[in-house]
Amino acid sequence: TKNAKAATYFEVGSTGIRTCKVCGQVLSKKAIAKKTYTAPSITGGKKKITVKYKAVSGATGFEVRYKIKGSWKPAKYTTKKAKTIAIKKLKKGKYQVQVRAVKGKEKTNWSKVKKITVK
């Protein structure tokens, strides 16, 4: 096996190139998808949502997006040091929230959707 590489939150990995030692024929080569970002912990309060997320090594920041119906609202950006973001002045209803890590121009996949009720 040559050039095997583990997947990270920011890069696709590879199982490497497996070749026959006798004839040199390529036997297998497979890409491994990026890791999926862990779904955040979310609490809903009176007209606000508090999102707590886990750190990712190498991340320079995080994006949080939400929606009540229709399309997603523009992502809110926060720095690496803060592991919590509060989204305030929301209307009552059931919201969907997602988080992803950012490293320069690279971004992880969005986390699974979490649902929360704002009162």
N, C-alpha and C. Protein backbone atom coordinates (compact mmCIF):
# COMPACT_ATOMS: atom_id res chain seq x y z
N THR A 1 0.85 -1.18 0.00
CA THR A 1 0.00 0.00 0.00
C THR A 1 0.89 1.24 0.00
N LYS A 2 0.55 2.21 -0.89
CA LYS A 2 1.30 3.46 -0.97
C LYS A 2 0.32 4.62 -0.83
N ASN A 3 0.78 5.72 -0.26
CA ASN A 3 0.04 6.97 -0.18
C ASN A 3 -1.29 6.88 0.58
N ALA A 4 -1.39 6.04 1.59
CA ALA A 4 -2.60 5.98 2.41
C ALA A 4 -2.68 7.25 3.24
N LYS A 5 -3.90 7.78 3.41
CA LYS A 5 -4.06 9.03 4.13
C LYS A 5 -5.42 9.04 4.82
N ALA A 6 -5.43 9.33 6.12
CA ALA A 6 -6.69 9.38 6.87
C ALA A 6 -7.49 10.62 6.49
N ALA A 7 -8.79 10.51 6.50
CA ALA A 7 -9.68 11.65 6.23
C ALA A 7 -9.71 12.56 7.45
N THR A 8 -9.84 13.86 7.22
CA THR A 8 -9.99 14.83 8.29
C THR A 8 -11.30 15.58 8.05
N TYR A 9 -11.57 16.56 8.88
CA TYR A 9 -12.77 17.38 8.68
C TYR A 9 -12.63 18.26 7.44
N PHE A 10 -11.38 18.54 7.02
CA PHE A 10 -11.15 19.45 5.91
C PHE A 10 -10.66 18.77 4.64
N GLU A 11 -10.22 17.52 4.70
CA GLU A 11 -9.67 16.86 3.52
C GLU A 11 -10.20 15.44 3.36
N VAL A 12 -10.32 15.03 2.10
CA VAL A 12 -10.70 13.66 1.76
C VAL A 12 -9.48 12.79 2.00
N GLY A 13 -9.68 11.58 2.50
CA GLY A 13 -8.59 10.66 2.73
C GLY A 13 -8.51 9.61 1.63
N SER A 14 -7.63 8.63 1.80
CA SER A 14 -7.47 7.57 0.81
C SER A 14 -6.99 6.30 1.50
N THR A 15 -7.47 5.17 1.00
CA THR A 15 -7.00 3.89 1.53
C THR A 15 -5.62 3.56 0.97
N GLY A 16 -5.19 4.36 0.00
CA GLY A 16 -3.89 4.15 -0.62
C GLY A 16 -4.01 3.30 -1.87
N ILE A 17 -2.91 3.20 -2.57
CA ILE A 17 -2.87 2.41 -3.80
C ILE A 17 -2.26 1.06 -3.46
N ARG A 18 -3.01 0.00 -3.68
CA ARG A 18 -2.51 -1.35 -3.43
C ARG A 18 -2.12 -1.97 -4.76
N THR A 19 -0.87 -2.38 -4.84
CA THR A 19 -0.36 -2.96 -6.08
C THR A 19 0.25 -4.34 -5.83
N CYS A 20 0.26 -5.12 -6.89
CA CYS A 20 0.87 -6.45 -6.83
C CYS A 20 2.38 -6.28 -6.86
N LYS A 21 3.10 -6.92 -5.92
CA LYS A 21 4.56 -6.80 -5.87
C LYS A 21 5.23 -7.51 -7.04
N VAL A 22 4.58 -8.47 -7.62
CA VAL A 22 5.17 -9.25 -8.71
C VAL A 22 5.00 -8.54 -10.06
N CYS A 23 3.75 -8.21 -10.44
CA CYS A 23 3.50 -7.63 -11.77
C CYS A 23 3.28 -6.13 -11.76
N GLY A 24 3.05 -5.52 -10.59
CA GLY A 24 2.84 -4.08 -10.50
C GLY A 24 1.43 -3.62 -10.81
N GLN A 25 0.49 -4.55 -10.98
CA GLN A 25 -0.89 -4.20 -11.29
C GLN A 25 -1.56 -3.53 -10.09
N VAL A 26 -2.33 -2.47 -10.36
CA VAL A 26 -3.07 -1.78 -9.30
C VAL A 26 -4.27 -2.65 -8.91
N LEU A 27 -4.34 -3.03 -7.64
CA LEU A 27 -5.41 -3.90 -7.16
C LEU A 27 -6.59 -3.11 -6.60
N SER A 28 -6.31 -2.04 -5.88
CA SER A 28 -7.40 -1.23 -5.34
C SER A 28 -6.92 0.16 -4.98
N LYS A 29 -7.87 1.09 -5.02
CA LYS A 29 -7.62 2.47 -4.65
C LYS A 29 -8.99 3.06 -4.31
N LYS A 30 -9.14 3.58 -3.10
CA LYS A 30 -10.45 4.07 -2.68
C LYS A 30 -10.31 5.36 -1.89
N ALA A 31 -11.16 6.34 -2.22
CA ALA A 31 -11.18 7.61 -1.49
C ALA A 31 -12.08 7.46 -0.27
N ILE A 32 -11.73 8.16 0.81
CA ILE A 32 -12.52 8.17 2.03
C ILE A 32 -13.08 9.58 2.19
N ALA A 33 -14.39 9.70 2.38
CA ALA A 33 -15.05 11.00 2.49
C ALA A 33 -14.55 11.78 3.71
N LYS A 34 -14.71 13.10 3.67
CA LYS A 34 -14.38 13.95 4.81
C LYS A 34 -15.20 13.51 6.01
N LYS A 35 -14.68 13.76 7.20
CA LYS A 35 -15.45 13.47 8.41
C LYS A 35 -16.63 14.43 8.48
N THR A 36 -17.73 13.98 9.02
CA THR A 36 -18.90 14.83 9.20
C THR A 36 -18.81 15.50 10.56
N TYR A 37 -19.09 16.79 10.59
CA TYR A 37 -19.00 17.54 11.83
C TYR A 37 -20.09 17.08 12.79
N THR A 38 -19.75 16.94 14.06
CA THR A 38 -20.68 16.48 15.09
C THR A 38 -21.80 17.49 15.30
N ALA A 39 -23.02 16.99 15.43
CA ALA A 39 -24.16 17.87 15.66
C ALA A 39 -23.99 18.62 16.98
N PRO A 40 -24.35 19.90 17.00
CA PRO A 40 -24.15 20.71 18.20
C PRO A 40 -25.19 20.46 19.27
N SER A 41 -24.92 20.97 20.46
CA SER A 41 -25.89 20.95 21.55
C SER A 41 -26.63 22.27 21.47
N ILE A 42 -27.96 22.23 21.46
CA ILE A 42 -28.75 23.43 21.27
C ILE A 42 -29.79 23.56 22.37
N THR A 43 -29.94 24.78 22.88
CA THR A 43 -31.01 25.06 23.84
C THR A 43 -31.82 26.24 23.32
N GLY A 44 -33.11 26.17 23.52
CA GLY A 44 -33.99 27.25 23.08
C GLY A 44 -34.51 27.99 24.29
N GLY A 45 -34.64 29.27 24.15
CA GLY A 45 -35.16 30.08 25.25
C GLY A 45 -36.20 31.03 24.72
N LYS A 46 -36.40 32.09 25.45
CA LYS A 46 -37.37 33.09 25.03
C LYS A 46 -36.74 33.97 23.95
N LYS A 47 -37.19 33.80 22.73
CA LYS A 47 -36.74 34.55 21.55
C LYS A 47 -35.26 34.38 21.24
N LYS A 48 -34.65 33.25 21.65
CA LYS A 48 -33.25 33.03 21.30
C LYS A 48 -32.91 31.54 21.23
N ILE A 49 -31.79 31.25 20.57
CA ILE A 49 -31.23 29.91 20.49
C ILE A 49 -29.77 30.01 20.94
N THR A 50 -29.33 29.10 21.79
CA THR A 50 -27.93 29.03 22.20
C THR A 50 -27.34 27.74 21.63
N VAL A 51 -26.27 27.88 20.85
CA VAL A 51 -25.65 26.74 20.18
C VAL A 51 -24.27 26.51 20.79
N LYS A 52 -24.02 25.29 21.31
CA LYS A 52 -22.71 24.91 21.85
C LYS A 52 -22.15 23.83 20.94
N TYR A 53 -20.90 24.00 20.51
CA TYR A 53 -20.31 23.05 19.58
C TYR A 53 -18.90 22.66 20.05
N LYS A 54 -18.40 21.56 19.48
CA LYS A 54 -17.09 21.04 19.85
C LYS A 54 -16.00 21.66 18.99
N ALA A 55 -14.81 21.79 19.57
CA ALA A 55 -13.67 22.34 18.84
C ALA A 55 -13.19 21.34 17.79
N VAL A 56 -12.57 21.86 16.74
CA VAL A 56 -11.97 21.04 15.69
C VAL A 56 -10.53 21.53 15.53
N SER A 57 -9.56 20.62 15.60
CA SER A 57 -8.16 21.03 15.48
C SER A 57 -7.93 21.65 14.11
N GLY A 58 -7.25 22.78 14.09
CA GLY A 58 -6.95 23.48 12.85
C GLY A 58 -8.01 24.46 12.41
N ALA A 59 -9.16 24.48 13.05
CA ALA A 59 -10.24 25.38 12.65
C ALA A 59 -9.93 26.81 13.08
N THR A 60 -10.24 27.76 12.21
CA THR A 60 -10.05 29.17 12.53
C THR A 60 -11.36 29.82 12.95
N GLY A 61 -12.47 29.12 12.77
CA GLY A 61 -13.76 29.64 13.15
C GLY A 61 -14.87 28.64 12.87
N PHE A 62 -16.09 29.06 13.12
CA PHE A 62 -17.25 28.20 12.92
C PHE A 62 -18.38 29.01 12.32
N GLU A 63 -19.26 28.36 11.56
CA GLU A 63 -20.44 29.00 11.01
C GLU A 63 -21.67 28.29 11.55
N VAL A 64 -22.69 29.06 11.89
CA VAL A 64 -23.95 28.52 12.38
C VAL A 64 -25.04 29.08 11.47
N ARG A 65 -25.92 28.22 10.97
CA ARG A 65 -27.05 28.68 10.18
C ARG A 65 -28.33 28.09 10.74
N TYR A 66 -29.45 28.76 10.47
CA TYR A 66 -30.74 28.32 11.01
C TYR A 66 -31.86 28.69 10.05
N LYS A 67 -32.99 28.03 10.23
CA LYS A 67 -34.19 28.36 9.46
C LYS A 67 -35.42 27.92 10.23
N ILE A 68 -36.53 28.58 9.96
CA ILE A 68 -37.81 28.19 10.53
C ILE A 68 -38.65 27.55 9.43
N LYS A 69 -38.64 28.14 8.25
CA LYS A 69 -39.30 27.60 7.05
C LYS A 69 -38.50 28.09 5.86
N GLY A 70 -38.61 27.39 4.76
CA GLY A 70 -37.95 27.86 3.54
C GLY A 70 -36.45 27.72 3.56
N SER A 71 -35.76 28.75 3.05
CA SER A 71 -34.31 28.67 2.90
C SER A 71 -33.57 29.04 4.18
N TRP A 72 -32.32 28.63 4.25
CA TRP A 72 -31.46 28.90 5.40
C TRP A 72 -31.13 30.39 5.47
N LYS A 73 -31.02 30.91 6.68
CA LYS A 73 -30.58 32.29 6.90
C LYS A 73 -29.07 32.32 6.68
N PRO A 74 -28.49 33.47 6.31
CA PRO A 74 -27.04 33.54 6.14
C PRO A 74 -26.32 33.07 7.40
N ALA A 75 -25.21 32.37 7.20
CA ALA A 75 -24.47 31.79 8.33
C ALA A 75 -23.91 32.88 9.23
N LYS A 76 -23.98 32.63 10.53
CA LYS A 76 -23.36 33.52 11.53
C LYS A 76 -21.97 32.96 11.81
N TYR A 77 -20.96 33.80 11.81
CA TYR A 77 -19.58 33.37 11.99
C TYR A 77 -19.11 33.68 13.39
N THR A 78 -18.34 32.78 13.97
CA THR A 78 -17.76 33.01 15.28
C THR A 78 -16.32 32.52 15.30
N THR A 79 -15.50 33.01 16.22
CA THR A 79 -14.09 32.66 16.27
C THR A 79 -13.89 31.30 16.93
N LYS A 80 -12.67 30.80 16.83
CA LYS A 80 -12.34 29.48 17.39
C LYS A 80 -12.44 29.49 18.92
N LYS A 81 -12.09 30.59 19.55
CA LYS A 81 -12.07 30.65 21.01
C LYS A 81 -13.47 30.46 21.60
N ALA A 82 -14.46 31.06 20.97
CA ALA A 82 -15.83 30.94 21.47
C ALA A 82 -16.41 29.61 21.00
N LYS A 83 -16.90 28.82 21.91
CA LYS A 83 -17.51 27.53 21.55
C LYS A 83 -19.02 27.57 21.75
N THR A 84 -19.53 28.80 21.91
CA THR A 84 -20.96 29.01 22.09
C THR A 84 -21.36 30.25 21.30
N ILE A 85 -22.51 30.20 20.67
CA ILE A 85 -23.04 31.37 19.98
C ILE A 85 -24.52 31.48 20.31
N ALA A 86 -24.97 32.69 20.57
CA ALA A 86 -26.39 32.94 20.85
C ALA A 86 -26.99 33.71 19.70
N ILE A 87 -28.11 33.23 19.20
CA ILE A 87 -28.83 33.91 18.14
C ILE A 87 -30.08 34.47 18.79
N LYS A 88 -30.19 35.79 18.80
CA LYS A 88 -31.25 36.46 19.55
C LYS A 88 -32.28 37.09 18.62
N LYS A 89 -33.34 37.63 19.23
CA LYS A 89 -34.42 38.34 18.54
C LYS A 89 -35.12 37.45 17.50
N LEU A 90 -35.40 36.21 17.90
CA LEU A 90 -36.09 35.28 17.01
C LEU A 90 -37.58 35.24 17.31
N LYS A 91 -38.35 34.86 16.31
CA LYS A 91 -39.79 34.69 16.49
C LYS A 91 -40.05 33.32 17.10
N LYS A 92 -41.24 33.14 17.67
CA LYS A 92 -41.63 31.84 18.21
C LYS A 92 -41.73 30.84 17.06
N GLY A 93 -41.39 29.58 17.36
CA GLY A 93 -41.53 28.54 16.34
C GLY A 93 -40.50 27.45 16.49
N LYS A 94 -40.58 26.49 15.57
CA LYS A 94 -39.64 25.37 15.56
C LYS A 94 -38.55 25.65 14.53
N TYR A 95 -37.31 25.72 15.00
CA TYR A 95 -36.17 26.05 14.16
C TYR A 95 -35.32 24.81 13.88
N GLN A 96 -34.58 24.87 12.77
CA GLN A 96 -33.58 23.88 12.43
C GLN A 96 -32.23 24.59 12.42
N VAL A 97 -31.20 23.95 13.00
CA VAL A 97 -29.90 24.59 13.14
C VAL A 97 -28.81 23.62 12.68
N GLN A 98 -27.75 24.18 12.03
CA GLN A 98 -26.58 23.40 11.62
C GLN A 98 -25.31 24.20 11.91
N VAL A 99 -24.19 23.50 12.10
CA VAL A 99 -22.88 24.12 12.38
C VAL A 99 -21.84 23.47 11.48
N ARG A 100 -20.81 24.26 11.11
CA ARG A 100 -19.64 23.70 10.42
C ARG A 100 -18.41 24.49 10.81
N ALA A 101 -17.25 23.83 10.72
CA ALA A 101 -15.98 24.47 11.04
C ALA A 101 -15.39 25.09 9.78
N VAL A 102 -14.58 26.14 9.97
CA VAL A 102 -13.94 26.85 8.87
C VAL A 102 -12.44 26.92 9.14
N LYS A 103 -11.66 26.69 8.08
CA LYS A 103 -10.19 26.80 8.17
C LYS A 103 -9.75 27.57 6.93
N GLY A 104 -9.54 28.87 7.10
CA GLY A 104 -9.24 29.72 5.94
C GLY A 104 -10.42 29.71 4.98
N LYS A 105 -10.21 29.28 3.74
CA LYS A 105 -11.30 29.19 2.77
C LYS A 105 -11.95 27.81 2.76
N GLU A 106 -11.34 26.85 3.45
CA GLU A 106 -11.90 25.49 3.51
C GLU A 106 -13.00 25.42 4.56
N LYS A 107 -14.03 24.62 4.28
CA LYS A 107 -15.14 24.46 5.21
C LYS A 107 -15.49 22.99 5.30
N THR A 108 -15.88 22.57 6.50
CA THR A 108 -16.32 21.19 6.68
C THR A 108 -17.74 21.04 6.14
N ASN A 109 -18.21 19.81 6.11
CA ASN A 109 -19.61 19.58 5.77
C ASN A 109 -20.45 20.12 6.92
N TRP A 110 -21.69 20.51 6.63
CA TRP A 110 -22.59 20.95 7.70
C TRP A 110 -22.92 19.76 8.59
N SER A 111 -23.13 20.01 9.87
CA SER A 111 -23.52 18.96 10.81
C SER A 111 -24.94 18.50 10.47
N LYS A 112 -25.37 17.44 11.12
CA LYS A 112 -26.76 17.01 10.96
C LYS A 112 -27.66 18.10 11.52
N VAL A 113 -28.86 18.17 11.01
CA VAL A 113 -29.82 19.19 11.45
C VAL A 113 -30.31 18.87 12.85
N LYS A 114 -30.31 19.88 13.72
CA LYS A 114 -30.89 19.75 15.06
C LYS A 114 -32.12 20.64 15.10
N LYS A 115 -33.17 20.17 15.74
CA LYS A 115 -34.42 20.93 15.83
C LYS A 115 -34.61 21.44 17.24
N ILE A 116 -35.12 22.68 17.35
CA ILE A 116 -35.32 23.31 18.64
C ILE A 116 -36.55 24.23 18.56
N THR A 117 -37.26 24.36 19.68
CA THR A 117 -38.42 25.23 19.75
C THR A 117 -38.08 26.51 20.50
N VAL A 118 -38.40 27.65 19.89
CA VAL A 118 -38.20 28.95 20.52
C VAL A 118 -39.55 29.43 21.02
N LYS A 119 -39.58 29.87 22.27
CA LYS A 119 -40.84 30.29 22.91
C LYS A 119 -41.00 31.79 22.89
